[in-house]
Amino acid sequence: MQEKQDGGKIVFAHMLRGVAILFVLLHHALIFFYSGPGAALDILNMPTAVPRDDWFAHALAAADMALAPLLLNPRNWGAFGVGLFFLVSGFVIPFALARTTRTGFLAGRFFRLWPAYAAGLGLVIAALAVTSHVAQRPFIPNLWAVATHLIFSHDLFLRESYDLVAWTLDIEVRFYLICALAAPLLRRGDAIGVALLGAVLAASALFLGADYIEGWQRHMMVGRSACLIIFMLIGTAFNFHHRGLIPSRTLCGLVAWLAALFASAYLIGPWSRGIEAYLAIYAYAGVTFALCYVLRDRISWHRWLGWLADISYPLYVIHAINVYAAINLLCFSGVPPVLALPLALLWALTAAALIHRLIEKPAHDFGRRLARRL
């Protein structure tokens, strides 16, 4: 029975991290070629240098159209990866909470997230400074916006996102806080308690996302967080089953209940307008996670996928802007797009590996030691 690897990592969950970051990375890298995101170009503070008549862009657009009926086109790959990340987080977090106090858990999470994020955000801002300099445009970071990123609350203050991924980390931190508050439920595997928690979150999402307060954008962001935390609790249900706290029948019922709550809250919330396809993508992520869980005894460690999973967090933080900036700068210098893409990916992987080795891993190890002491 192969469930764990060195360091106590659950193999199937860690491999899914590698799959998730691969889809997110390819999403942001490929979509830049055939539909250069206006928001990203605004943040880069530099006009696009990627030739839209390049054969590579046309090939990607053709693949996009071919996969569109299945809702698997590259425009949606990022959401698939994010969905996997949310489910894996929901699955593994109760393990950390079961081994320590609430205070120790939150301290460990702080050192797990914040140092690497601060370093990654610094690299993102440096990339934006370089693109602005090349384009001969002024770039002065908004210090208040940077501060809201660093406290994982930029969406509540309605600030621009420098890294394009901060909104998911805001939700992740809120999930940690809810887990700390609901620690007794998660430690004993209380399926009814988690089902009721999901219902409360769904009611909150439906109320805060209702049309009659649509102008209250901060409330909408909290409603979106509540909606996606329900999705994360699906991973928690699998955690209960993995720990032998609930039988398979209870797992199926709890997952079905949480999935129904998530879909209801998502479809009614105004944040879903125009992107209903993402609900199907989250369903793909849920089915993928469930299948990998069922087959977890047969999933073995893969060296390169494991390495991607190891560096997935810093890579997630830096990849969007750094890949966009590298592609644009290389094309601006005359490098063909088909060569600019792998070079940009190589740069992002190298930078993420350095952040993981020099900052993330030491900080995480310290956080674990601190959590045990607390």
Protein backbone atom coordinates (compact mmCIF):
# COMPACT_ATOMS: atom_id res chain seq x y z
CA MET A 1 0.00 0.00 0.00
CA GLN A 2 1.78 3.16 -1.19
CA GLU A 3 0.26 6.19 0.52
CA LYS A 4 3.24 8.12 1.84
CA GLN A 5 6.65 9.23 0.74
CA ASP A 6 9.60 10.68 2.64
CA GLY A 7 8.60 13.62 4.79
CA GLY A 8 5.09 12.27 5.38
CA LYS A 9 3.70 13.50 2.04
CA ILE A 10 0.67 11.62 0.79
CA VAL A 11 1.75 10.58 -2.68
CA PHE A 12 -1.44 11.03 -4.67
CA ALA A 13 -2.11 14.47 -3.16
CA HIS A 14 1.45 15.66 -3.76
CA MET A 15 1.38 14.42 -7.35
CA LEU A 16 -1.87 16.32 -7.88
CA ARG A 17 -0.08 19.48 -6.77
CA GLY A 18 2.37 18.92 -9.58
CA VAL A 19 -0.45 18.39 -12.08
CA ALA A 20 -2.23 21.51 -10.82
CA ILE A 21 0.74 23.84 -11.18
CA LEU A 22 1.47 22.40 -14.63
CA PHE A 23 -2.03 23.29 -15.85
CA VAL A 24 -1.92 26.75 -14.29
CA LEU A 25 1.51 27.43 -15.75
CA LEU A 26 0.53 26.32 -19.25
CA HIS A 27 -2.71 28.28 -19.06
CA HIS A 28 -1.01 31.59 -18.38
CA ALA A 29 1.86 30.88 -20.77
CA LEU A 30 -0.19 29.76 -23.78
CA ILE A 31 -3.11 32.15 -23.54
CA PHE A 32 -0.70 35.08 -23.82
CA PHE A 33 0.14 34.11 -27.40
CA TYR A 34 -3.27 34.08 -29.02
CA SER A 35 -5.32 36.34 -26.76
CA GLY A 36 -2.84 38.49 -24.88
CA PRO A 37 -4.86 39.47 -21.77
CA GLY A 38 -5.51 43.19 -21.67
CA ALA A 39 -5.32 43.22 -17.88
CA ALA A 40 -1.92 41.55 -17.94
CA LEU A 41 -0.59 43.98 -20.52
CA ASP A 42 -1.86 46.87 -18.44
CA ILE A 43 -0.03 45.51 -15.43
CA LEU A 44 3.15 44.90 -17.47
CA ASN A 45 2.97 48.57 -18.42
CA MET A 46 4.29 47.57 -21.82
CA PRO A 47 2.57 47.02 -25.19
CA THR A 48 2.54 43.49 -26.54
CA ALA A 49 5.53 42.48 -28.65
CA VAL A 50 4.12 39.06 -29.58
CA PRO A 51 3.25 38.89 -33.31
CA ARG A 52 -0.40 37.86 -33.58
CA ASP A 53 0.07 36.54 -37.13
CA ASP A 54 2.66 33.98 -35.99
CA TRP A 55 1.90 30.36 -36.94
CA PHE A 56 2.30 29.31 -33.32
CA ALA A 57 -0.50 31.64 -32.22
CA HIS A 58 -2.75 30.30 -34.98
CA ALA A 59 -2.02 26.69 -33.97
CA LEU A 60 -2.93 27.45 -30.36
CA ALA A 61 -6.12 29.20 -31.43
CA ALA A 62 -7.07 26.12 -33.48
CA ALA A 63 -6.47 23.84 -30.49
CA ASP A 64 -8.53 26.22 -28.39
CA MET A 65 -11.50 25.90 -30.75
CA ALA A 66 -11.16 22.12 -31.00
CA LEU A 67 -11.26 21.63 -27.24
CA ALA A 68 -13.89 24.27 -26.56
CA PRO A 69 -16.92 21.88 -26.77
CA LEU A 70 -15.43 19.86 -23.92
CA LEU A 71 -14.69 23.03 -21.91
CA LEU A 72 -11.07 21.90 -21.84
CA ASN A 73 -9.55 24.62 -23.98
CA PRO A 74 -6.41 26.35 -22.65
CA ARG A 75 -8.49 29.32 -21.50
CA ASN A 76 -9.86 27.08 -18.73
CA TRP A 77 -6.79 25.09 -17.77
CA GLY A 78 -5.91 27.58 -15.05
CA ALA A 79 -9.26 27.08 -13.32
CA PHE A 80 -8.76 23.30 -13.46
CA GLY A 81 -5.40 23.68 -11.72
CA VAL A 82 -6.82 26.07 -9.13
CA GLY A 83 -9.64 23.62 -8.43
CA LEU A 84 -7.13 20.83 -7.82
CA PHE A 85 -5.11 23.10 -5.53
CA PHE A 86 -8.22 23.92 -3.49
CA LEU A 87 -9.18 20.25 -3.12
CA VAL A 88 -5.65 19.18 -2.14
CA SER A 89 -5.53 21.97 0.43
CA GLY A 90 -8.88 20.89 1.85
CA PHE A 91 -7.55 17.34 2.07
CA VAL A 92 -4.18 18.00 3.74
CA ILE A 93 -4.95 20.89 6.12
CA PRO A 94 -6.86 18.76 8.68
CA PHE A 95 -3.71 16.64 9.10
CA ALA A 96 -1.77 19.72 10.19
CA LEU A 97 -4.59 20.83 12.49
CA ALA A 98 -4.82 17.40 14.13
CA ARG A 99 -1.18 17.52 15.23
CA THR A 100 -1.15 20.84 17.06
CA THR A 101 -3.17 23.55 18.79
CA ARG A 102 -5.03 26.30 16.97
CA THR A 103 -2.22 28.73 17.76
CA GLY A 104 0.43 26.32 16.57
CA PHE A 105 -1.54 25.60 13.42
CA LEU A 106 -1.90 29.28 12.51
CA ALA A 107 1.76 29.99 13.31
CA GLY A 108 2.84 27.11 11.11
CA ARG A 109 0.60 28.30 8.28
CA PHE A 110 2.02 31.82 8.55
CA PHE A 111 5.59 30.64 8.04
CA ARG A 112 4.43 28.27 5.33
CA LEU A 113 2.84 31.04 3.27
CA TRP A 114 4.13 34.49 4.08
CA PRO A 115 7.96 34.44 3.60
CA ALA A 116 7.76 32.74 0.20
CA TYR A 117 4.90 34.98 -0.86
CA ALA A 118 6.78 38.13 0.13
CA ALA A 119 9.81 36.99 -1.87
CA GLY A 120 7.65 36.06 -4.86
CA LEU A 121 5.77 39.34 -4.79
CA GLY A 122 9.10 41.17 -4.70
CA LEU A 123 10.19 39.31 -7.84
CA VAL A 124 6.87 40.13 -9.53
CA ILE A 125 7.30 43.84 -8.80
CA ALA A 126 10.88 43.68 -10.07
CA ALA A 127 9.63 42.15 -13.35
CA LEU A 128 7.08 44.95 -13.69
CA ALA A 129 9.80 47.51 -13.10
CA VAL A 130 11.89 45.97 -15.89
CA THR A 131 9.04 45.93 -18.44
CA SER A 132 8.15 49.52 -17.56
CA HIS A 133 11.76 50.58 -18.00
CA VAL A 134 12.04 48.88 -21.39
CA ALA A 135 8.79 50.54 -22.50
CA GLN A 136 10.07 53.85 -21.10
CA ARG A 137 7.01 54.23 -18.92
CA PRO A 138 6.92 55.26 -15.25
CA PHE A 139 6.26 52.58 -12.65
CA ILE A 140 5.71 53.41 -9.00
CA PRO A 141 4.22 50.54 -6.97
CA ASN A 142 1.24 51.49 -4.86
CA LEU A 143 2.51 50.75 -1.35
CA TRP A 144 -0.99 50.39 0.07
CA ALA A 145 -1.85 47.85 -2.65
CA VAL A 146 1.37 45.95 -1.88
CA ALA A 147 0.47 45.95 1.82
CA THR A 148 -2.98 44.50 1.11
CA HIS A 149 -1.30 41.72 -0.88
CA LEU A 150 1.02 40.96 2.03
CA ILE A 151 -1.89 40.55 4.45
CA PHE A 152 -3.78 38.36 1.93
CA SER A 153 -6.74 40.74 1.73
CA HIS A 154 -6.22 42.72 -1.45
CA ASP A 155 -9.67 41.79 -2.79
CA LEU A 156 -11.41 43.27 0.26
CA PHE A 157 -9.70 46.61 -0.34
CA LEU A 158 -10.53 46.46 -4.07
CA ARG A 159 -6.89 46.98 -5.05
CA GLU A 160 -5.28 45.95 -8.30
CA SER A 161 -3.61 42.55 -8.30
CA TYR A 162 0.07 42.75 -9.11
CA ASP A 163 0.59 39.00 -9.36
CA LEU A 164 -2.83 38.02 -10.83
CA VAL A 165 -3.15 35.10 -8.37
CA ALA A 166 -3.54 36.83 -4.99
CA TRP A 167 -7.31 36.29 -4.91
CA THR A 168 -6.85 32.52 -4.54
CA LEU A 169 -4.38 32.98 -1.68
CA ASP A 170 -6.85 35.31 0.04
CA ILE A 171 -9.38 32.46 -0.05
CA GLU A 172 -6.76 29.96 1.14
CA VAL A 173 -6.01 32.05 4.23
CA ARG A 174 -9.71 32.43 5.01
CA PHE A 175 -10.03 28.65 4.78
CA TYR A 176 -7.23 28.32 7.36
CA LEU A 177 -9.04 30.68 9.72
CA ILE A 178 -12.30 28.75 9.37
CA CYS A 179 -10.44 25.47 9.96
CA ALA A 180 -8.92 26.90 13.14
CA LEU A 181 -12.37 27.96 14.37
CA ALA A 182 -13.88 24.59 13.44
CA ALA A 183 -10.92 22.58 14.77
CA PRO A 184 -12.99 20.18 16.93
CA LEU A 185 -15.13 19.21 13.93
CA LEU A 186 -12.11 18.52 11.75
CA ARG A 187 -10.19 16.60 14.40
CA ARG A 188 -12.97 14.14 15.12
CA GLY A 189 -14.19 13.89 11.52
CA ASP A 190 -17.66 15.24 12.21
CA ALA A 191 -19.46 14.81 8.88
CA ILE A 192 -22.70 16.39 10.12
CA GLY A 193 -20.80 19.36 11.51
CA VAL A 194 -18.99 19.91 8.20
CA ALA A 195 -22.28 19.54 6.30
CA LEU A 196 -23.81 22.26 8.50
CA LEU A 197 -20.71 24.42 8.07
CA GLY A 198 -21.10 24.08 4.31
CA ALA A 199 -24.75 25.13 4.58
CA VAL A 200 -23.81 28.22 6.59
CA LEU A 201 -21.16 29.15 4.02
CA ALA A 202 -23.62 28.62 1.17
CA ALA A 203 -26.21 30.84 2.85
CA SER A 204 -23.52 33.48 3.35
CA ALA A 205 -22.43 33.24 -0.28
CA LEU A 206 -26.00 33.51 -1.54
CA PHE A 207 -26.78 36.51 0.66
CA LEU A 208 -23.54 38.37 0.02
CA GLY A 209 -23.71 37.71 -3.71
CA ALA A 210 -27.37 38.58 -4.14
CA ASP A 211 -28.38 41.06 -6.82
CA TYR A 212 -29.86 43.56 -4.41
CA ILE A 213 -26.47 44.27 -2.89
CA GLU A 214 -24.53 43.80 -6.10
CA GLY A 215 -22.91 47.21 -5.69
CA TRP A 216 -21.26 46.06 -2.48
CA GLN A 217 -18.15 44.68 -4.10
CA ARG A 218 -16.41 43.79 -0.85
CA HIS A 219 -19.38 41.68 0.13
CA MET A 220 -19.22 39.96 -3.23
CA MET A 221 -15.58 39.04 -2.63
CA VAL A 222 -16.44 37.53 0.75
CA GLY A 223 -19.34 35.69 -0.89
CA ARG A 224 -17.01 34.26 -3.53
CA SER A 225 -14.64 33.14 -0.77
CA ALA A 226 -17.47 31.39 1.07
CA CYS A 227 -18.51 29.66 -2.14
CA LEU A 228 -15.04 28.31 -2.92
CA ILE A 229 -14.36 27.30 0.69
CA ILE A 230 -17.35 24.95 0.34
CA PHE A 231 -15.47 23.41 -2.60
CA MET A 232 -12.38 23.04 -0.43
CA LEU A 233 -14.43 21.21 2.20
CA ILE A 234 -14.97 18.45 -0.37
CA GLY A 235 -11.26 17.69 0.05
CA THR A 236 -11.82 17.68 3.83
CA ALA A 237 -14.51 15.02 3.42
CA PHE A 238 -11.97 12.79 1.68
CA ASN A 239 -9.56 13.49 4.56
CA PHE A 240 -12.11 12.11 7.03
CA HIS A 241 -12.46 8.93 4.99
CA HIS A 242 -8.70 8.58 4.57
CA ARG A 243 -8.26 8.76 8.35
CA GLY A 244 -10.92 6.10 8.84
CA LEU A 245 -13.32 8.48 10.59
CA ILE A 246 -16.27 8.06 8.20
CA PRO A 247 -17.38 5.13 5.99
CA SER A 248 -17.57 5.28 2.21
CA ARG A 249 -21.33 5.78 2.21
CA THR A 250 -21.01 8.84 4.42
CA LEU A 251 -18.21 10.17 2.23
CA CYS A 252 -20.38 9.93 -0.90
CA GLY A 253 -23.29 11.65 0.82
CA LEU A 254 -21.15 14.45 2.24
CA VAL A 255 -19.39 15.07 -1.09
CA ALA A 256 -22.74 15.16 -2.93
CA TRP A 257 -24.15 17.61 -0.37
CA LEU A 258 -21.15 19.94 -0.51
CA ALA A 259 -21.03 19.79 -4.32
CA ALA A 260 -24.72 20.75 -4.50
CA LEU A 261 -24.16 23.66 -2.11
CA PHE A 262 -21.15 24.83 -4.09
CA ALA A 263 -22.95 24.67 -7.43
CA SER A 264 -25.99 26.51 -6.06
CA ALA A 265 -23.93 29.29 -4.51
CA TYR A 266 -21.72 29.58 -7.58
CA LEU A 267 -24.54 29.80 -10.11
CA ILE A 268 -26.49 32.40 -8.16
CA GLY A 269 -23.50 34.56 -7.26
CA PRO A 270 -22.94 37.52 -9.62
CA TRP A 271 -19.21 36.74 -9.80
CA SER A 272 -20.08 33.78 -12.05
CA ARG A 273 -21.68 35.82 -14.82
CA GLY A 274 -20.07 35.25 -18.17
CA ILE A 275 -17.81 32.45 -16.87
CA GLU A 276 -20.31 29.64 -16.22
CA ALA A 277 -17.85 27.30 -17.93
CA TYR A 278 -15.68 27.45 -14.84
CA LEU A 279 -18.28 25.49 -12.88
CA ALA A 280 -17.80 22.61 -15.32
CA ILE A 281 -14.03 22.93 -14.96
CA TYR A 282 -14.32 22.70 -11.16
CA ALA A 283 -16.42 19.58 -11.74
CA TYR A 284 -13.59 18.15 -13.86
CA ALA A 285 -11.19 18.93 -11.01
CA GLY A 286 -13.48 17.22 -8.51
CA VAL A 287 -13.81 14.07 -10.62
CA THR A 288 -10.03 13.98 -11.18
CA PHE A 289 -9.36 14.30 -7.45
CA ALA A 290 -11.91 11.60 -6.60
CA LEU A 291 -10.49 9.16 -9.16
CA CYS A 292 -6.95 9.72 -7.91
CA TYR A 293 -8.15 9.17 -4.35
CA VAL A 294 -9.81 5.88 -5.27
CA LEU A 295 -6.62 4.80 -7.07
CA ARG A 296 -4.27 6.27 -4.45
CA ASP A 297 -2.69 2.92 -3.62
CA ARG A 298 -1.58 2.58 -7.25
CA ILE A 299 -0.18 6.08 -7.66
CA SER A 300 3.57 6.08 -7.18
CA TRP A 301 6.09 8.84 -6.79
CA HIS A 302 7.17 10.57 -10.00
CA ARG A 303 10.45 12.44 -9.76
CA TRP A 304 9.75 15.42 -12.01
CA LEU A 305 6.12 15.77 -11.02
CA GLY A 306 7.20 15.62 -7.38
CA TRP A 307 9.75 18.35 -8.02
CA LEU A 308 7.08 20.53 -9.64
CA ALA A 309 4.89 19.92 -6.60
CA ASP A 310 7.75 20.90 -4.27
CA ILE A 311 8.19 24.28 -5.94
CA SER A 312 4.49 24.73 -6.79
CA TYR A 313 3.79 27.48 -4.27
CA PRO A 314 6.54 29.97 -5.23
CA LEU A 315 6.02 29.03 -8.88
CA TYR A 316 2.31 29.79 -8.52
CA VAL A 317 3.05 33.19 -7.01
CA ILE A 318 5.57 34.37 -9.62
CA HIS A 319 4.64 32.51 -12.78
CA ALA A 320 1.98 34.70 -14.40
CA ILE A 321 3.74 38.06 -14.44
CA ASN A 322 7.24 36.66 -14.80
CA VAL A 323 6.26 34.43 -17.73
CA TYR A 324 4.31 37.25 -19.40
CA ALA A 325 7.20 39.66 -18.88
CA ALA A 326 9.83 37.22 -20.12
CA ILE A 327 7.85 36.31 -23.25
CA ASN A 328 7.16 39.94 -24.06
CA LEU A 329 10.75 41.06 -23.45
CA LEU A 330 12.18 38.20 -25.51
CA CYS A 331 9.82 38.88 -28.42
CA PHE A 332 10.63 42.59 -28.11
CA SER A 333 14.30 41.61 -28.56
CA GLY A 334 13.51 39.65 -31.71
CA VAL A 335 13.32 36.12 -30.27
CA PRO A 336 10.71 33.97 -32.11
CA PRO A 337 7.61 33.19 -29.98
CA VAL A 338 8.12 29.43 -30.26
CA LEU A 339 11.52 29.91 -28.57
CA ALA A 340 10.42 32.65 -26.19
CA LEU A 341 7.91 30.32 -24.53
CA PRO A 342 10.35 27.63 -23.26
CA LEU A 343 12.89 30.28 -22.24
CA ALA A 344 10.24 32.10 -20.21
CA LEU A 345 9.14 28.85 -18.57
CA LEU A 346 12.76 27.98 -17.76
CA TRP A 347 13.21 31.37 -16.08
CA ALA A 348 10.06 30.93 -13.97
CA LEU A 349 11.04 27.40 -12.92
CA THR A 350 14.56 28.49 -11.96
CA ALA A 351 13.37 31.47 -9.94
CA ALA A 352 10.73 29.38 -8.15
CA ALA A 353 13.27 26.66 -7.33
CA LEU A 354 15.58 29.25 -5.77
CA ILE A 355 12.78 30.75 -3.67
CA HIS A 356 11.79 27.25 -2.54
CA ARG A 357 15.34 26.27 -1.63
CA LEU A 358 16.44 29.51 0.03
CA ILE A 359 13.23 30.82 1.60
CA GLU A 360 10.19 28.58 1.48
CA LYS A 361 11.71 25.35 2.82
CA PRO A 362 13.69 26.91 5.70
CA ALA A 363 10.67 29.01 6.73
CA HIS A 364 8.35 26.00 6.49
CA ASP A 365 10.69 23.86 8.61
CA PHE A 366 10.89 26.62 11.21
CA GLY A 367 7.11 26.96 11.20
CA ARG A 368 6.65 23.24 11.81
CA ARG A 369 9.08 23.30 14.72
CA LEU A 370 7.31 26.33 16.17
CA ALA A 371 3.91 24.68 15.75
CA ARG A 372 5.11 21.60 17.65
CA ARG A 373 6.41 23.75 20.50
CA LEU A 374 3.19 25.72 20.70
